[in-house]
Amino acid sequence: MAHEFSVNTIIGPHSSVVGDVDSAGFTRVDGSLRGNLRAKGRVIIGEKARMKSDVAGTSITIGGVVYGNVIASERLIILSSALVLGDIITRRIQADEGCLIHGRVSVCTSDEQWEKTLSKYRDMRGVLSALSIAAKKQK
């Protein structure tokens, strides 16, 4: 595995982004993001970051606030300053003392378990999306 030494995407301190972000590699968030973040590489969410987002990446480190689900295909590190309000799916997890997690945590130890858990998650998201669309149409 090649390690990434350059940062592809930065959302800096005092920056605010509304909308989904798709990154081809290493991503760092130190500002505010309201939209989903999908990275094909590492993700670092700084201590001052505030996100209302689902986050997906290979290796994710969280130091700030994430209100959304987190999917880390390799590993997830949750620092003592972090608050995660959402479900977590990963292969390995490190949660420092003092961090706060409110949601389900799934740690998958095999490829089969990983695929099954992701499939179940995607099915659930599809149902929730369909229900949301139906509720909007009834208004």
N, C-alpha and C. Protein backbone atom coordinates (compact mmCIF):
# COMPACT_ATOMS: atom_id res chain seq x y z
N MET A 1 0.84 -1.19 0.00
CA MET A 1 0.00 0.00 0.00
C MET A 1 0.88 1.24 0.00
N ALA A 2 0.64 2.14 -0.92
CA ALA A 2 1.40 3.38 -0.97
C ALA A 2 0.82 4.38 0.03
N HIS A 3 1.70 5.01 0.77
CA HIS A 3 1.24 6.02 1.73
C HIS A 3 1.11 7.36 1.02
N GLU A 4 0.09 8.12 1.35
CA GLU A 4 -0.15 9.41 0.73
C GLU A 4 0.54 10.48 1.55
N PHE A 5 1.36 11.29 0.89
CA PHE A 5 2.07 12.34 1.58
C PHE A 5 1.53 13.72 1.24
N SER A 6 0.73 13.84 0.21
CA SER A 6 0.15 15.13 -0.13
C SER A 6 -1.34 15.13 0.21
N VAL A 7 -1.84 16.29 0.52
CA VAL A 7 -3.25 16.45 0.86
C VAL A 7 -4.00 16.83 -0.41
N ASN A 8 -5.04 16.08 -0.76
CA ASN A 8 -5.85 16.39 -1.93
C ASN A 8 -6.86 17.50 -1.65
N THR A 9 -7.50 17.44 -0.47
CA THR A 9 -8.59 18.35 -0.16
C THR A 9 -8.45 18.86 1.26
N ILE A 10 -8.58 20.18 1.42
CA ILE A 10 -8.54 20.80 2.76
C ILE A 10 -9.75 21.70 2.90
N ILE A 11 -10.47 21.52 4.00
CA ILE A 11 -11.50 22.49 4.40
C ILE A 11 -10.92 23.13 5.66
N GLY A 12 -10.38 24.32 5.50
CA GLY A 12 -9.60 24.96 6.56
C GLY A 12 -10.45 25.54 7.68
N PRO A 13 -9.75 25.95 8.75
CA PRO A 13 -10.44 26.59 9.87
C PRO A 13 -11.21 27.82 9.37
N HIS A 14 -12.34 28.10 9.93
CA HIS A 14 -13.21 29.23 9.59
C HIS A 14 -13.80 29.12 8.19
N SER A 15 -13.66 27.94 7.55
CA SER A 15 -14.29 27.69 6.25
C SER A 15 -15.54 26.88 6.47
N SER A 16 -16.54 27.12 5.62
CA SER A 16 -17.80 26.39 5.73
C SER A 16 -18.20 25.91 4.35
N VAL A 17 -18.50 24.62 4.24
CA VAL A 17 -18.92 24.04 2.96
C VAL A 17 -20.29 23.40 3.16
N VAL A 18 -21.21 23.71 2.23
CA VAL A 18 -22.52 23.08 2.22
C VAL A 18 -22.62 22.31 0.91
N GLY A 19 -22.74 20.99 1.02
CA GLY A 19 -22.80 20.14 -0.16
C GLY A 19 -21.86 18.96 0.01
N ASP A 20 -22.06 17.96 -0.82
CA ASP A 20 -21.25 16.75 -0.74
C ASP A 20 -19.83 17.01 -1.26
N VAL A 21 -18.87 16.32 -0.66
CA VAL A 21 -17.47 16.41 -1.09
C VAL A 21 -16.98 15.01 -1.44
N ASP A 22 -16.50 14.85 -2.68
CA ASP A 22 -15.87 13.61 -3.13
C ASP A 22 -14.40 13.92 -3.36
N SER A 23 -13.53 13.18 -2.67
CA SER A 23 -12.10 13.44 -2.75
C SER A 23 -11.37 12.22 -3.30
N ALA A 24 -10.40 12.46 -4.16
CA ALA A 24 -9.64 11.37 -4.78
C ALA A 24 -8.56 10.82 -3.85
N GLY A 25 -8.29 11.49 -2.75
CA GLY A 25 -7.22 11.02 -1.87
C GLY A 25 -7.36 11.57 -0.46
N PHE A 26 -6.23 11.95 0.10
CA PHE A 26 -6.13 12.42 1.48
C PHE A 26 -6.95 13.69 1.67
N THR A 27 -7.76 13.73 2.73
CA THR A 27 -8.64 14.87 2.99
C THR A 27 -8.52 15.30 4.44
N ARG A 28 -8.44 16.61 4.66
CA ARG A 28 -8.40 17.14 6.02
C ARG A 28 -9.51 18.18 6.17
N VAL A 29 -10.26 18.06 7.29
CA VAL A 29 -11.34 19.01 7.59
C VAL A 29 -11.04 19.66 8.93
N ASP A 30 -10.91 20.98 8.92
CA ASP A 30 -10.74 21.75 10.16
C ASP A 30 -11.84 22.79 10.31
N GLY A 31 -12.72 22.88 9.34
CA GLY A 31 -13.82 23.84 9.37
C GLY A 31 -15.15 23.14 9.53
N SER A 32 -16.15 23.64 8.81
CA SER A 32 -17.51 23.14 8.92
C SER A 32 -17.94 22.51 7.58
N LEU A 33 -18.55 21.33 7.66
CA LEU A 33 -19.06 20.67 6.46
C LEU A 33 -20.46 20.18 6.74
N ARG A 34 -21.39 20.57 5.87
CA ARG A 34 -22.77 20.09 5.94
C ARG A 34 -23.05 19.41 4.60
N GLY A 35 -22.78 18.13 4.55
CA GLY A 35 -22.90 17.34 3.33
C GLY A 35 -22.01 16.12 3.50
N ASN A 36 -22.21 15.11 2.70
CA ASN A 36 -21.46 13.88 2.86
C ASN A 36 -20.03 14.02 2.34
N LEU A 37 -19.11 13.33 3.01
CA LEU A 37 -17.72 13.32 2.60
C LEU A 37 -17.33 11.90 2.22
N ARG A 38 -16.93 11.71 0.96
CA ARG A 38 -16.48 10.42 0.48
C ARG A 38 -15.05 10.59 -0.05
N ALA A 39 -14.10 9.93 0.62
CA ALA A 39 -12.70 10.04 0.21
C ALA A 39 -12.16 8.67 -0.16
N LYS A 40 -11.31 8.62 -1.17
CA LYS A 40 -10.68 7.36 -1.57
C LYS A 40 -9.38 7.15 -0.83
N GLY A 41 -9.09 7.99 0.14
CA GLY A 41 -7.87 7.89 0.93
C GLY A 41 -8.15 8.19 2.39
N ARG A 42 -7.10 8.63 3.10
CA ARG A 42 -7.21 8.96 4.51
C ARG A 42 -8.04 10.23 4.72
N VAL A 43 -8.67 10.29 5.89
CA VAL A 43 -9.43 11.47 6.28
C VAL A 43 -9.01 11.85 7.69
N ILE A 44 -8.70 13.13 7.88
CA ILE A 44 -8.43 13.65 9.22
C ILE A 44 -9.44 14.75 9.49
N ILE A 45 -10.16 14.60 10.60
CA ILE A 45 -11.15 15.59 11.02
C ILE A 45 -10.59 16.23 12.28
N GLY A 46 -10.17 17.48 12.16
CA GLY A 46 -9.50 18.18 13.25
C GLY A 46 -10.41 18.46 14.43
N GLU A 47 -9.78 18.86 15.54
CA GLU A 47 -10.51 19.11 16.79
C GLU A 47 -11.55 20.21 16.67
N LYS A 48 -11.34 21.19 15.82
CA LYS A 48 -12.27 22.31 15.67
C LYS A 48 -13.33 22.05 14.59
N ALA A 49 -13.23 20.93 13.90
CA ALA A 49 -14.16 20.61 12.81
C ALA A 49 -15.55 20.31 13.35
N ARG A 50 -16.55 20.73 12.61
CA ARG A 50 -17.96 20.47 12.93
C ARG A 50 -18.60 19.96 11.65
N MET A 51 -19.09 18.72 11.67
CA MET A 51 -19.63 18.12 10.45
C MET A 51 -21.01 17.52 10.68
N LYS A 52 -21.92 17.84 9.79
CA LYS A 52 -23.20 17.15 9.72
C LYS A 52 -23.12 16.37 8.42
N SER A 53 -22.50 15.19 8.53
CA SER A 53 -22.10 14.44 7.34
C SER A 53 -21.99 12.96 7.63
N ASP A 54 -22.25 12.17 6.60
CA ASP A 54 -21.78 10.79 6.60
C ASP A 54 -20.36 10.87 6.04
N VAL A 55 -19.44 10.13 6.65
CA VAL A 55 -18.03 10.19 6.27
C VAL A 55 -17.57 8.79 5.86
N ALA A 56 -16.90 8.70 4.71
CA ALA A 56 -16.34 7.43 4.25
C ALA A 56 -14.92 7.66 3.78
N GLY A 57 -14.03 6.74 4.16
CA GLY A 57 -12.64 6.82 3.74
C GLY A 57 -11.93 5.53 4.11
N THR A 58 -10.63 5.47 3.83
CA THR A 58 -9.87 4.26 4.16
C THR A 58 -9.50 4.25 5.63
N SER A 59 -8.74 5.25 6.04
CA SER A 59 -8.31 5.39 7.43
C SER A 59 -8.78 6.75 7.89
N ILE A 60 -9.60 6.79 8.93
CA ILE A 60 -10.21 8.05 9.38
C ILE A 60 -9.79 8.34 10.81
N THR A 61 -9.37 9.58 11.05
CA THR A 61 -9.07 10.06 12.40
C THR A 61 -10.02 11.19 12.71
N ILE A 62 -10.74 11.09 13.84
CA ILE A 62 -11.72 12.11 14.21
C ILE A 62 -11.28 12.78 15.51
N GLY A 63 -11.18 14.11 15.46
CA GLY A 63 -10.87 14.88 16.66
C GLY A 63 -11.98 15.86 17.01
N GLY A 64 -12.88 16.13 16.05
CA GLY A 64 -13.95 17.10 16.24
C GLY A 64 -15.31 16.43 16.37
N VAL A 65 -16.35 17.12 15.88
CA VAL A 65 -17.73 16.64 16.00
C VAL A 65 -18.21 16.13 14.64
N VAL A 66 -18.72 14.90 14.63
CA VAL A 66 -19.33 14.32 13.42
C VAL A 66 -20.73 13.88 13.80
N TYR A 67 -21.72 14.52 13.16
CA TYR A 67 -23.11 14.12 13.32
C TYR A 67 -23.49 13.40 12.04
N GLY A 68 -23.27 12.08 12.04
CA GLY A 68 -23.52 11.26 10.86
C GLY A 68 -22.80 9.94 11.00
N ASN A 69 -22.98 9.08 10.02
CA ASN A 69 -22.38 7.75 10.06
C ASN A 69 -20.97 7.78 9.51
N VAL A 70 -20.12 6.89 10.02
CA VAL A 70 -18.72 6.83 9.63
C VAL A 70 -18.40 5.42 9.13
N ILE A 71 -17.82 5.35 7.91
CA ILE A 71 -17.39 4.07 7.35
C ILE A 71 -15.91 4.18 7.00
N ALA A 72 -15.09 3.41 7.71
CA ALA A 72 -13.64 3.40 7.49
C ALA A 72 -13.25 1.99 7.04
N SER A 73 -12.81 1.86 5.80
CA SER A 73 -12.54 0.54 5.24
C SER A 73 -11.29 -0.12 5.84
N GLU A 74 -10.39 0.66 6.43
CA GLU A 74 -9.21 0.08 7.06
C GLU A 74 -9.24 0.24 8.58
N ARG A 75 -9.29 1.49 9.03
CA ARG A 75 -9.31 1.71 10.48
C ARG A 75 -9.87 3.08 10.82
N LEU A 76 -10.29 3.20 12.08
CA LEU A 76 -10.86 4.44 12.61
C LEU A 76 -10.19 4.75 13.93
N ILE A 77 -9.73 6.00 14.07
CA ILE A 77 -9.17 6.48 15.33
C ILE A 77 -10.05 7.63 15.81
N ILE A 78 -10.56 7.50 17.03
CA ILE A 78 -11.40 8.54 17.61
C ILE A 78 -10.64 9.13 18.79
N LEU A 79 -10.25 10.38 18.66
CA LEU A 79 -9.45 11.04 19.68
C LEU A 79 -10.30 11.45 20.88
N SER A 80 -9.66 11.76 21.98
CA SER A 80 -10.37 12.10 23.22
C SER A 80 -11.25 13.33 23.08
N SER A 81 -10.94 14.21 22.13
CA SER A 81 -11.71 15.44 21.91
C SER A 81 -12.93 15.23 21.02
N ALA A 82 -13.13 14.02 20.51
CA ALA A 82 -14.15 13.76 19.49
C ALA A 82 -15.52 13.45 20.06
N LEU A 83 -16.54 13.79 19.25
CA LEU A 83 -17.93 13.43 19.51
C LEU A 83 -18.48 12.87 18.20
N VAL A 84 -18.92 11.61 18.22
CA VAL A 84 -19.50 10.98 17.03
C VAL A 84 -20.94 10.61 17.37
N LEU A 85 -21.88 11.20 16.64
CA LEU A 85 -23.30 10.92 16.80
C LEU A 85 -23.78 10.21 15.55
N GLY A 86 -23.61 8.90 15.51
CA GLY A 86 -23.98 8.13 14.34
C GLY A 86 -23.38 6.75 14.43
N ASP A 87 -23.72 5.93 13.46
CA ASP A 87 -23.23 4.56 13.42
C ASP A 87 -21.84 4.50 12.80
N ILE A 88 -21.07 3.50 13.22
CA ILE A 88 -19.71 3.32 12.75
C ILE A 88 -19.56 1.91 12.19
N ILE A 89 -18.94 1.81 11.01
CA ILE A 89 -18.58 0.53 10.42
C ILE A 89 -17.10 0.61 10.06
N THR A 90 -16.29 -0.30 10.58
CA THR A 90 -14.86 -0.29 10.31
C THR A 90 -14.28 -1.69 10.48
N ARG A 91 -13.02 -1.83 10.11
CA ARG A 91 -12.31 -3.10 10.31
C ARG A 91 -11.51 -3.07 11.61
N ARG A 92 -11.02 -1.90 11.98
CA ARG A 92 -10.27 -1.73 13.24
C ARG A 92 -10.63 -0.38 13.83
N ILE A 93 -10.67 -0.33 15.17
CA ILE A 93 -11.04 0.92 15.84
C ILE A 93 -10.14 1.15 17.04
N GLN A 94 -9.83 2.43 17.24
CA GLN A 94 -9.13 2.88 18.44
C GLN A 94 -9.91 4.08 18.95
N ALA A 95 -10.45 3.97 20.14
CA ALA A 95 -11.22 5.06 20.74
C ALA A 95 -10.51 5.50 22.01
N ASP A 96 -10.01 6.74 22.01
CA ASP A 96 -9.29 7.25 23.17
C ASP A 96 -10.25 7.54 24.33
N GLU A 97 -9.72 7.43 25.53
CA GLU A 97 -10.51 7.73 26.72
C GLU A 97 -10.98 9.18 26.66
N GLY A 98 -12.25 9.39 26.93
CA GLY A 98 -12.83 10.73 26.92
C GLY A 98 -13.63 11.05 25.68
N CYS A 99 -13.48 10.26 24.61
CA CYS A 99 -14.29 10.52 23.42
C CYS A 99 -15.73 10.10 23.71
N LEU A 100 -16.65 10.64 22.92
CA LEU A 100 -18.06 10.29 23.08
C LEU A 100 -18.58 9.72 21.76
N ILE A 101 -19.22 8.55 21.86
CA ILE A 101 -19.82 7.90 20.69
C ILE A 101 -21.26 7.56 21.05
N HIS A 102 -22.19 8.00 20.19
CA HIS A 102 -23.59 7.65 20.39
C HIS A 102 -24.09 7.05 19.08
N GLY A 103 -24.16 5.72 19.04
CA GLY A 103 -24.58 5.00 17.84
C GLY A 103 -24.08 3.58 17.90
N ARG A 104 -24.40 2.82 16.87
CA ARG A 104 -23.94 1.43 16.80
C ARG A 104 -22.53 1.38 16.23
N VAL A 105 -21.71 0.50 16.79
CA VAL A 105 -20.35 0.32 16.31
C VAL A 105 -20.21 -1.11 15.81
N SER A 106 -19.86 -1.26 14.53
CA SER A 106 -19.63 -2.58 13.94
C SER A 106 -18.17 -2.67 13.52
N VAL A 107 -17.44 -3.60 14.14
CA VAL A 107 -16.05 -3.85 13.78
C VAL A 107 -16.01 -5.20 13.07
N CYS A 108 -15.67 -5.18 11.79
CA CYS A 108 -15.71 -6.37 10.95
C CYS A 108 -14.31 -6.97 10.85
N THR A 109 -14.19 -8.22 11.25
CA THR A 109 -12.88 -8.86 11.28
C THR A 109 -12.57 -9.68 10.03
N SER A 110 -13.56 -9.91 9.19
CA SER A 110 -13.33 -10.67 7.96
C SER A 110 -13.93 -9.92 6.77
N ASP A 111 -13.46 -10.24 5.57
CA ASP A 111 -14.01 -9.62 4.36
C ASP A 111 -15.48 -9.95 4.20
N GLU A 112 -15.86 -11.17 4.53
CA GLU A 112 -17.25 -11.59 4.42
C GLU A 112 -18.16 -10.77 5.35
N GLN A 113 -17.71 -10.59 6.58
CA GLN A 113 -18.47 -9.79 7.54
C GLN A 113 -18.54 -8.34 7.09
N TRP A 114 -17.44 -7.80 6.54
CA TRP A 114 -17.39 -6.42 6.05
C TRP A 114 -18.44 -6.22 4.94
N GLU A 115 -18.45 -7.12 3.95
CA GLU A 115 -19.39 -7.00 2.83
C GLU A 115 -20.83 -7.13 3.30
N LYS A 116 -21.09 -8.05 4.21
CA LYS A 116 -22.44 -8.26 4.73
C LYS A 116 -22.93 -7.02 5.50
N THR A 117 -22.06 -6.45 6.34
CA THR A 117 -22.43 -5.28 7.14
C THR A 117 -22.67 -4.07 6.24
N LEU A 118 -21.80 -3.87 5.24
CA LEU A 118 -21.98 -2.75 4.30
C LEU A 118 -23.26 -2.90 3.49
N SER A 119 -23.54 -4.11 3.05
CA SER A 119 -24.76 -4.37 2.28
C SER A 119 -26.00 -4.05 3.11
N LYS A 120 -25.99 -4.49 4.35
CA LYS A 120 -27.11 -4.23 5.27
C LYS A 120 -27.28 -2.72 5.49
N TYR A 121 -26.17 -2.02 5.66
CA TYR A 121 -26.19 -0.56 5.86
C TYR A 121 -26.77 0.14 4.64
N ARG A 122 -26.31 -0.25 3.45
CA ARG A 122 -26.81 0.38 2.21
C ARG A 122 -28.29 0.10 2.01
N ASP A 123 -28.73 -1.12 2.32
CA ASP A 123 -30.16 -1.45 2.22
C ASP A 123 -30.98 -0.57 3.14
N MET A 124 -30.50 -0.39 4.38
CA MET A 124 -31.21 0.43 5.35
C MET A 124 -31.28 1.88 4.88
N ARG A 125 -30.17 2.40 4.33
CA ARG A 125 -30.14 3.78 3.84
C ARG A 125 -31.12 3.95 2.68
N GLY A 126 -31.22 2.94 1.82
CA GLY A 126 -32.15 2.99 0.69
C GLY A 126 -33.59 3.05 1.16
N VAL A 127 -33.93 2.26 2.17
CA VAL A 127 -35.29 2.27 2.73
C VAL A 127 -35.59 3.62 3.36
N LEU A 128 -34.64 4.15 4.13
CA LEU A 128 -34.85 5.45 4.78
C LEU A 128 -35.01 6.56 3.75
N SER A 129 -34.24 6.50 2.67
CA SER A 129 -34.35 7.49 1.60
C SER A 129 -35.71 7.41 0.93
N ALA A 130 -36.19 6.20 0.66
CA ALA A 130 -37.50 6.00 0.03
C ALA A 130 -38.61 6.52 0.94
N LEU A 131 -38.51 6.27 2.24
CA LEU A 131 -39.51 6.77 3.19
C LEU A 131 -39.50 8.28 3.25
N SER A 132 -38.32 8.89 3.19
CA SER A 132 -38.21 10.35 3.22
C SER A 132 -38.85 10.97 1.98
N ILE A 133 -38.63 10.38 0.83
CA ILE A 133 -39.22 10.88 -0.42
C ILE A 133 -40.73 10.75 -0.38
N ALA A 134 -41.22 9.61 0.11
CA ALA A 134 -42.68 9.40 0.22
C ALA A 134 -43.31 10.40 1.18
N ALA A 135 -42.65 10.69 2.28
CA ALA A 135 -43.19 11.65 3.26
C ALA A 135 -43.25 13.05 2.67
N LYS A 136 -42.26 13.43 1.86
CA LYS A 136 -42.25 14.75 1.23
C LYS A 136 -43.39 14.89 0.22
N LYS A 137 -43.67 13.79 -0.49
CA LYS A 137 -44.74 13.81 -1.49
C LYS A 137 -46.11 13.96 -0.85
N GLN A 138 -46.28 13.48 0.39
CA GLN A 138 -47.57 13.55 1.07
C GLN A 138 -47.88 14.95 1.61
N LYS A 139 -46.86 15.78 1.73
CA LYS A 139 -47.06 17.14 2.29
C LYS A 139 -47.72 18.07 1.33
